[in-house]
Amino acid sequence: MATHRSCALWSYCGPRWSWVMRCCRLPGFRSSWPRGPLGARHLSQEKRETETHFGFETVSEEEKGGKVYHVFESVAKKYDVMNDMMSLGIHRIWKDLLLSKMHPFPGTQLLDVAGGTGDIAFRFLNYVQAQHKGKQKRQLRAQQNLSWEEIAKKYQSEDDPLGGSRVVVCDINKEMLKIGKQKARAQGHKAGLAWVLGDAEELPFDDDKFDVYTIAFGIRNVTHIDQALQEAHRVLKPGGRFLCLEFSQVNNPLISRLYDLYSFQVIPVLGEVIAGDWRSYQYLVESIRQFPSQEEFKEMIEDAGFEKVTYESLTSGIVAIHSGFKL
C-alpha cells in the first residue's frame, strides 16, 4: 500500500514532493513511511517474499499458479503420449516401482494428488484387484471340502473385487481430470474410483482420511511445496504413508551432461512436433532443474512432520521416490 501511495503523491506533487516532505511533519509520519535505505530494504524484502520461479523465470506467486494451470491445460490431450516419447517409455517402469514400493493391500484408501490422467490410480486399482483375487484363491484352496457349486457361489457372491479399496484422484486442472475420466471409461474402471477438482495446497478433505498419499511428477509444479506437504500430512491417517515420485538430481557427471543435452535440445522440440507447444515443455525441463535435491527434499518432508523418511534414486537419479510416515 505504501508503494501505491507514494506513486500517487509523486504524480500529484511532481517536483514539489521534497517540499511536501519538509512541510508535512505529521505525528508518526516518519516512523510509518518508508524512507531512505531502510524503507527500500523493507520493500525489496516484501517483493522477494512474493516472488517465485516458473522454470528459470521469476514471477509472482499469484502469477505462477495461472501459468502452471495453462501449461497443463495446453498439454493435457498429448500428456501421456509425450510422457512416453520424453522418457522412452521408462516412466511406466518408474510408476510400477512406486506401486511396488507402496504394496497396497485390499481395503487401502489412496489419495493420488496431481494425478489427473489416472496413471497411478489405474495401477493401484489393478494391483489391489490382483491382490484380492490372490487372497480369495488362497482361501478357497485352504478349504479342501468345498464342492464345485460352493466354490462357484463364493466367486459369484463377491460384491467388491477391490476388497474395499478406494482411490481418489485430486487435480487442480479440469482438462487433466477430463482426460483421466475418458481413460477410465476406455479401460473399464468404474468401482472404487473418484475424481475431485482440488488444490494440493488446500485439499478439500477431512483430517486423518487416507491410508496412502501419492503425488507423481506433480509437486515441483506447486507454488508452496511446504504447504502441500503439510496438507499431505494432515489428510493421512496415523500410520499413513506419503509417497512422492519426482524428477531429481542426476548423480553421474557423464549422464548429467547427456541428460541436460537431451532435456534442453530434444524435449522442447518433441513438444512442438507432437503437442504443438514448445514453451510448455521448455518450462517442464526448467522446473526439473529448480526442484530441490534428494537430500533437500527429504528434509522438507521431515519438516512437514513425517518420520522414517527415506528415498530411492532411480535411473542414476533422474527420478527419485521419497517415502515418509505419519506416526
Protein backbone atom coordinates (compact mmCIF):
# COMPACT_ATOMS: atom_id res chain seq x y z
CA MET A 1 0.00 0.00 0.00
CA ALA A 2 2.87 2.40 0.80
CA THR A 3 4.28 1.94 -2.68
CA HIS A 4 0.96 2.81 -4.33
CA ARG A 5 0.50 5.83 -2.07
CA SER A 6 3.97 7.17 -2.82
CA CYS A 7 3.41 6.83 -6.56
CA ALA A 8 0.10 8.69 -6.29
CA LEU A 9 1.59 11.51 -4.22
CA TRP A 10 4.58 11.83 -6.50
CA SER A 11 2.43 12.06 -9.64
CA TYR A 12 0.31 14.72 -7.94
CA CYS A 13 3.07 16.81 -6.43
CA GLY A 14 5.80 16.26 -9.02
CA PRO A 15 8.94 18.25 -8.22
CA ARG A 16 7.21 19.79 -5.17
CA TRP A 17 7.44 16.36 -3.43
CA SER A 18 10.55 17.30 -1.43
CA TRP A 19 8.82 20.48 -0.24
CA VAL A 20 5.81 18.42 0.91
CA MET A 21 8.12 16.07 2.78
CA ARG A 22 9.71 19.01 4.63
CA CYS A 23 6.40 20.65 5.49
CA CYS A 24 4.21 17.67 6.32
CA ARG A 25 5.64 16.81 9.73
CA LEU A 26 2.63 14.84 10.92
CA PRO A 27 2.88 12.82 14.13
CA GLY A 28 4.06 9.29 13.39
CA PHE A 29 4.58 10.05 9.70
CA ARG A 30 8.30 9.33 9.64
CA SER A 31 8.10 6.05 11.55
CA SER A 32 5.35 4.60 9.34
CA TRP A 33 6.52 5.85 5.95
CA PRO A 34 9.44 4.00 4.35
CA ARG A 35 12.25 6.43 3.57
CA GLY A 36 15.92 6.03 2.85
CA PRO A 37 17.81 2.72 2.66
CA LEU A 38 15.80 1.05 5.46
CA GLY A 39 12.49 1.57 3.67
CA ALA A 40 13.97 0.41 0.38
CA ARG A 41 15.25 -2.77 2.02
CA HIS A 42 11.81 -3.40 3.54
CA LEU A 43 10.05 -3.07 0.18
CA SER A 44 12.69 -5.20 -1.51
CA GLN A 45 12.24 -7.94 1.09
CA GLU A 46 8.46 -7.88 0.64
CA LYS A 47 8.94 -8.20 -3.10
CA ARG A 48 11.28 -11.18 -2.73
CA GLU A 49 8.84 -12.90 -0.39
CA THR A 50 6.07 -12.79 -3.01
CA GLU A 51 8.25 -13.92 -5.90
CA THR A 52 8.90 -17.49 -7.01
CA HIS A 53 10.18 -19.30 -10.08
CA PHE A 54 8.35 -20.52 -13.12
CA GLY A 55 11.08 -22.59 -14.70
CA PHE A 56 14.00 -20.16 -14.95
CA GLU A 57 11.69 -17.15 -15.00
CA THR A 58 10.99 -15.13 -11.86
CA VAL A 59 7.29 -14.44 -11.39
CA SER A 60 4.90 -13.51 -8.60
CA GLU A 61 3.38 -16.35 -6.60
CA GLU A 62 -0.09 -15.49 -7.88
CA GLU A 63 1.16 -15.46 -11.47
CA LYS A 64 2.82 -18.88 -11.18
CA GLY A 65 -0.44 -20.65 -10.38
CA GLY A 66 -2.05 -19.35 -13.54
CA LYS A 67 0.97 -20.14 -15.69
CA VAL A 68 1.21 -23.73 -14.42
CA TYR A 69 -2.51 -24.20 -14.96
CA HIS A 70 -2.16 -23.01 -18.56
CA VAL A 71 0.76 -25.40 -19.17
CA PHE A 72 -1.21 -28.48 -18.19
CA GLU A 73 -4.38 -27.24 -19.83
CA SER A 74 -2.37 -26.92 -23.03
CA VAL A 75 -0.63 -30.32 -22.89
CA ALA A 76 -3.47 -32.43 -21.40
CA LYS A 77 -4.53 -34.14 -24.64
CA LYS A 78 -0.97 -35.15 -25.53
CA TYR A 79 0.29 -35.61 -21.96
CA ASP A 80 0.51 -39.41 -21.98
CA VAL A 81 1.99 -39.58 -25.49
CA MET A 82 4.63 -37.02 -24.56
CA ASN A 83 5.48 -38.93 -21.38
CA ASP A 84 6.21 -41.99 -23.48
CA MET A 85 8.25 -40.00 -26.00
CA MET A 86 10.24 -37.96 -23.47
CA SER A 87 11.16 -40.91 -21.24
CA LEU A 88 11.27 -43.55 -23.99
CA GLY A 89 8.59 -45.36 -22.00
CA ILE A 90 10.66 -45.60 -18.83
CA HIS A 91 8.10 -43.55 -16.88
CA ARG A 92 5.92 -46.66 -16.88
CA ILE A 93 8.61 -48.63 -15.04
CA TRP A 94 9.07 -45.81 -12.53
CA LYS A 95 5.34 -45.79 -11.78
CA ASP A 96 5.26 -49.58 -11.46
CA LEU A 97 8.10 -49.32 -8.95
CA LEU A 98 6.11 -46.73 -6.99
CA LEU A 99 3.20 -49.18 -6.71
CA SER A 100 5.56 -51.99 -5.77
CA LYS A 101 7.01 -49.84 -3.00
CA MET A 102 3.52 -48.90 -1.84
CA HIS A 103 2.41 -52.56 -1.83
CA PRO A 104 -1.23 -51.69 -1.08
CA PHE A 105 -3.50 -54.28 0.48
CA PRO A 106 -7.25 -54.76 -0.08
CA GLY A 107 -9.08 -52.02 1.80
CA THR A 108 -6.40 -49.35 1.26
CA GLN A 109 -7.73 -45.80 0.88
CA LEU A 110 -5.47 -43.88 -1.53
CA LEU A 111 -5.34 -40.19 -2.36
CA ASP A 112 -3.45 -39.50 -5.60
CA VAL A 113 -2.74 -35.78 -5.91
CA ALA A 114 -1.90 -34.16 -9.25
CA GLY A 115 -2.92 -37.48 -10.78
CA GLY A 116 -5.24 -36.10 -13.44
CA THR A 117 -4.72 -38.63 -16.22
CA GLY A 118 -5.04 -41.56 -13.81
CA ASP A 119 -1.75 -43.41 -14.34
CA ILE A 120 -1.17 -44.08 -10.63
CA ALA A 121 -4.86 -44.63 -9.85
CA PHE A 122 -5.31 -47.28 -12.55
CA ARG A 123 -2.16 -49.10 -11.47
CA PHE A 124 -3.42 -49.04 -7.89
CA LEU A 125 -6.81 -50.50 -8.86
CA ASN A 126 -5.21 -53.26 -10.93
CA TYR A 127 -2.75 -54.03 -8.14
CA VAL A 128 -5.30 -54.32 -5.31
CA GLN A 129 -7.68 -56.30 -7.52
CA ALA A 130 -4.91 -58.80 -8.24
CA GLN A 131 -4.07 -58.92 -4.53
CA HIS A 132 -7.70 -59.53 -3.62
CA LYS A 133 -8.12 -62.29 -6.19
CA GLY A 134 -4.94 -63.95 -4.97
CA LYS A 135 -6.17 -63.83 -1.38
CA GLN A 136 -9.51 -65.29 -2.43
CA LYS A 137 -7.84 -68.18 -4.26
CA ARG A 138 -5.63 -68.97 -1.29
CA GLN A 139 -8.66 -69.07 1.00
CA LEU A 140 -10.53 -71.41 -1.36
CA ARG A 141 -7.53 -73.72 -1.71
CA ALA A 142 -7.37 -73.96 2.07
CA GLN A 143 -10.96 -75.20 2.16
CA GLN A 144 -10.48 -78.65 0.65
CA ASN A 145 -14.00 -79.89 1.34
CA LEU A 146 -15.88 -77.29 -0.72
CA SER A 147 -17.92 -78.56 -3.66
CA TRP A 148 -17.79 -77.04 -7.12
CA GLU A 149 -21.16 -75.35 -6.52
CA GLU A 150 -19.94 -73.80 -3.26
CA ILE A 151 -16.78 -72.51 -4.90
CA ALA A 152 -18.81 -71.02 -7.79
CA LYS A 153 -21.17 -69.33 -5.35
CA LYS A 154 -18.29 -67.76 -3.45
CA TYR A 155 -16.95 -66.23 -6.67
CA GLN A 156 -20.39 -65.05 -7.77
CA SER A 157 -21.24 -63.54 -4.39
CA GLU A 158 -18.13 -61.39 -4.39
CA ASP A 159 -19.58 -57.86 -4.35
CA ASP A 160 -16.37 -55.83 -4.29
CA PRO A 161 -13.46 -57.08 -6.43
CA LEU A 162 -11.24 -54.44 -4.80
CA GLY A 163 -11.78 -55.71 -1.26
CA GLY A 164 -12.90 -52.28 -0.07
CA SER A 165 -10.03 -50.33 -1.64
CA ARG A 166 -10.72 -46.86 -2.98
CA VAL A 167 -8.69 -44.22 -4.79
CA VAL A 168 -9.47 -40.52 -5.06
CA VAL A 169 -7.71 -38.64 -7.86
CA CYS A 170 -7.32 -34.97 -6.97
CA ASP A 171 -6.07 -32.47 -9.54
CA ILE A 172 -6.33 -28.70 -9.87
CA ASN A 173 -6.67 -28.85 -13.66
CA LYS A 174 -10.07 -29.62 -15.21
CA GLU A 175 -8.59 -30.68 -18.55
CA MET A 176 -6.30 -33.24 -16.95
CA LEU A 177 -9.23 -34.71 -14.98
CA LYS A 178 -11.28 -34.82 -18.17
CA ILE A 179 -8.59 -36.91 -19.90
CA GLY A 180 -8.35 -39.18 -16.85
CA LYS A 181 -12.09 -39.84 -16.84
CA GLN A 182 -12.00 -40.68 -20.57
CA LYS A 183 -9.18 -43.16 -19.97
CA ALA A 184 -11.06 -44.72 -17.04
CA ARG A 185 -14.09 -45.37 -19.23
CA ALA A 186 -11.93 -46.78 -22.01
CA GLN A 187 -10.14 -49.15 -19.59
CA GLY A 188 -13.33 -50.20 -17.80
CA HIS A 189 -12.50 -48.65 -14.41
CA LYS A 190 -15.68 -47.76 -12.54
CA ALA A 191 -15.70 -49.13 -9.00
CA GLY A 192 -13.51 -47.66 -6.28
CA LEU A 193 -12.56 -44.54 -8.25
CA ALA A 194 -13.45 -40.88 -7.66
CA TRP A 195 -12.31 -37.64 -9.33
CA VAL A 196 -12.02 -34.41 -7.35
CA LEU A 197 -11.05 -30.92 -8.50
CA GLY A 198 -8.76 -29.59 -5.80
CA ASP A 199 -5.58 -27.74 -4.87
CA ALA A 200 -2.63 -29.63 -3.35
CA GLU A 201 -2.02 -26.65 -1.06
CA GLU A 202 -5.58 -26.69 0.30
CA LEU A 203 -7.02 -30.19 -0.04
CA PRO A 204 -10.82 -30.48 0.18
CA PHE A 205 -10.71 -33.47 2.56
CA ASP A 206 -11.08 -34.06 6.28
CA ASP A 207 -8.17 -34.82 8.60
CA ASP A 208 -6.94 -38.41 9.02
CA LYS A 209 -8.85 -39.73 6.00
CA PHE A 210 -6.43 -41.72 3.80
CA ASP A 211 -4.01 -44.62 4.26
CA VAL A 212 -1.66 -43.54 1.47
CA TYR A 213 -0.95 -40.23 -0.28
CA THR A 214 0.84 -40.27 -3.65
CA ILE A 215 1.98 -37.49 -5.93
CA ALA A 216 3.86 -38.36 -9.12
CA PHE A 217 5.62 -35.68 -11.16
CA GLY A 218 3.41 -33.01 -9.65
CA ILE A 219 4.91 -31.50 -6.52
CA ARG A 220 7.57 -29.48 -8.34
CA ASN A 221 4.75 -27.51 -10.00
CA VAL A 222 3.26 -26.45 -6.66
CA THR A 223 3.90 -22.85 -5.63
CA HIS A 224 4.34 -23.62 -1.91
CA ILE A 225 5.81 -27.11 -1.61
CA ASP A 226 5.98 -26.89 2.19
CA GLN A 227 2.26 -26.16 2.37
CA ALA A 228 1.43 -29.09 0.07
CA LEU A 229 3.50 -31.40 2.29
CA GLN A 230 1.68 -30.17 5.40
CA GLU A 231 -1.64 -30.86 3.70
CA ALA A 232 -0.47 -34.37 2.82
CA HIS A 233 0.37 -34.95 6.47
CA ARG A 234 -3.00 -33.59 7.60
CA VAL A 235 -5.20 -35.84 5.43
CA LEU A 236 -3.28 -39.05 6.18
CA LYS A 237 -4.42 -41.33 8.97
CA PRO A 238 -1.96 -42.00 11.82
CA GLY A 239 0.34 -44.65 10.39
CA GLY A 240 -0.40 -43.43 6.85
CA ARG A 241 2.27 -43.24 4.19
CA PHE A 242 3.45 -40.43 1.92
CA LEU A 243 4.99 -41.41 -1.43
CA CYS A 244 6.35 -38.99 -3.99
CA LEU A 245 7.77 -39.85 -7.41
CA GLU A 246 9.55 -36.84 -8.86
CA PHE A 247 12.42 -35.79 -11.09
CA SER A 248 15.57 -35.23 -9.08
CA GLN A 249 19.31 -34.63 -9.42
CA VAL A 250 21.45 -36.94 -11.53
CA ASN A 251 24.40 -38.31 -9.57
CA ASN A 252 26.63 -39.31 -12.51
CA PRO A 253 28.53 -36.42 -14.19
CA LEU A 254 28.60 -38.00 -17.64
CA ILE A 255 24.92 -38.96 -17.56
CA SER A 256 24.14 -35.49 -16.19
CA ARG A 257 25.71 -33.80 -19.24
CA LEU A 258 23.91 -36.12 -21.65
CA TYR A 259 20.65 -35.65 -19.76
CA ASP A 260 20.95 -31.85 -19.92
CA LEU A 261 21.65 -32.01 -23.64
CA TYR A 262 18.63 -34.23 -24.23
CA SER A 263 16.38 -32.17 -21.94
CA PHE A 264 17.08 -28.76 -23.42
CA GLN A 265 17.75 -29.65 -27.05
CA VAL A 266 15.33 -32.51 -27.70
CA ILE A 267 12.34 -32.38 -25.32
CA PRO A 268 11.09 -28.89 -26.32
CA VAL A 269 11.38 -29.91 -29.99
CA LEU A 270 9.30 -33.03 -29.27
CA GLY A 271 6.78 -30.82 -27.52
CA GLU A 272 6.48 -28.63 -30.59
CA VAL A 273 6.25 -31.52 -33.06
CA ILE A 274 3.84 -33.74 -31.07
CA ALA A 275 1.86 -31.33 -28.90
CA GLY A 276 2.38 -28.09 -30.82
CA ASP A 277 3.72 -26.48 -27.66
CA TRP A 278 7.42 -25.65 -27.30
CA ARG A 279 7.10 -23.26 -24.36
CA SER A 280 5.26 -25.66 -22.02
CA TYR A 281 7.92 -28.34 -22.40
CA GLN A 282 10.67 -25.78 -22.05
CA TYR A 283 9.10 -24.90 -18.70
CA LEU A 284 8.88 -28.58 -17.71
CA VAL A 285 12.60 -29.19 -18.20
CA GLU A 286 13.47 -25.93 -16.44
CA SER A 287 11.22 -26.78 -13.49
CA ILE A 288 13.13 -30.03 -13.01
CA ARG A 289 16.37 -28.07 -12.54
CA GLN A 290 14.74 -25.83 -9.96
CA PHE A 291 13.48 -28.70 -7.80
CA PRO A 292 15.43 -29.50 -4.60
CA SER A 293 17.95 -32.34 -4.46
CA GLN A 294 17.08 -35.71 -2.93
CA GLU A 295 18.51 -34.73 0.46
CA GLU A 296 16.96 -31.26 0.48
CA PHE A 297 13.53 -32.64 -0.37
CA LYS A 298 13.92 -35.30 2.33
CA GLU A 299 14.47 -32.52 4.88
CA MET A 300 11.38 -30.67 3.64
CA ILE A 301 9.27 -33.81 4.12
CA GLU A 302 10.63 -34.20 7.65
CA ASP A 303 9.87 -30.53 8.40
CA ALA A 304 6.24 -31.21 7.45
CA GLY A 305 6.03 -33.74 10.31
CA PHE A 306 6.76 -37.04 8.56
CA GLU A 307 9.01 -39.64 10.14
CA LYS A 308 11.12 -42.51 8.85
CA VAL A 309 11.71 -40.51 5.65
CA THR A 310 13.79 -42.28 3.02
CA TYR A 311 14.35 -42.02 -0.70
CA GLU A 312 15.48 -44.21 -3.56
CA SER A 313 17.13 -42.75 -6.65
CA LEU A 314 16.17 -44.39 -9.95
CA THR A 315 17.97 -44.27 -13.31
CA SER A 316 21.08 -42.56 -11.88
CA GLY A 317 18.97 -40.01 -10.02
CA ILE A 318 16.88 -38.79 -12.95
CA VAL A 319 13.93 -39.52 -10.67
CA ALA A 320 13.58 -40.44 -7.00
CA ILE A 321 10.89 -41.96 -4.84
CA HIS A 322 10.58 -40.37 -1.41
CA SER A 323 8.69 -42.13 1.37
CA GLY A 324 7.58 -40.98 4.80
CA PHE A 325 5.11 -41.98 7.52
CA LYS A 326 2.69 -40.08 9.72
CA LEU A 327 3.41 -41.54 13.15
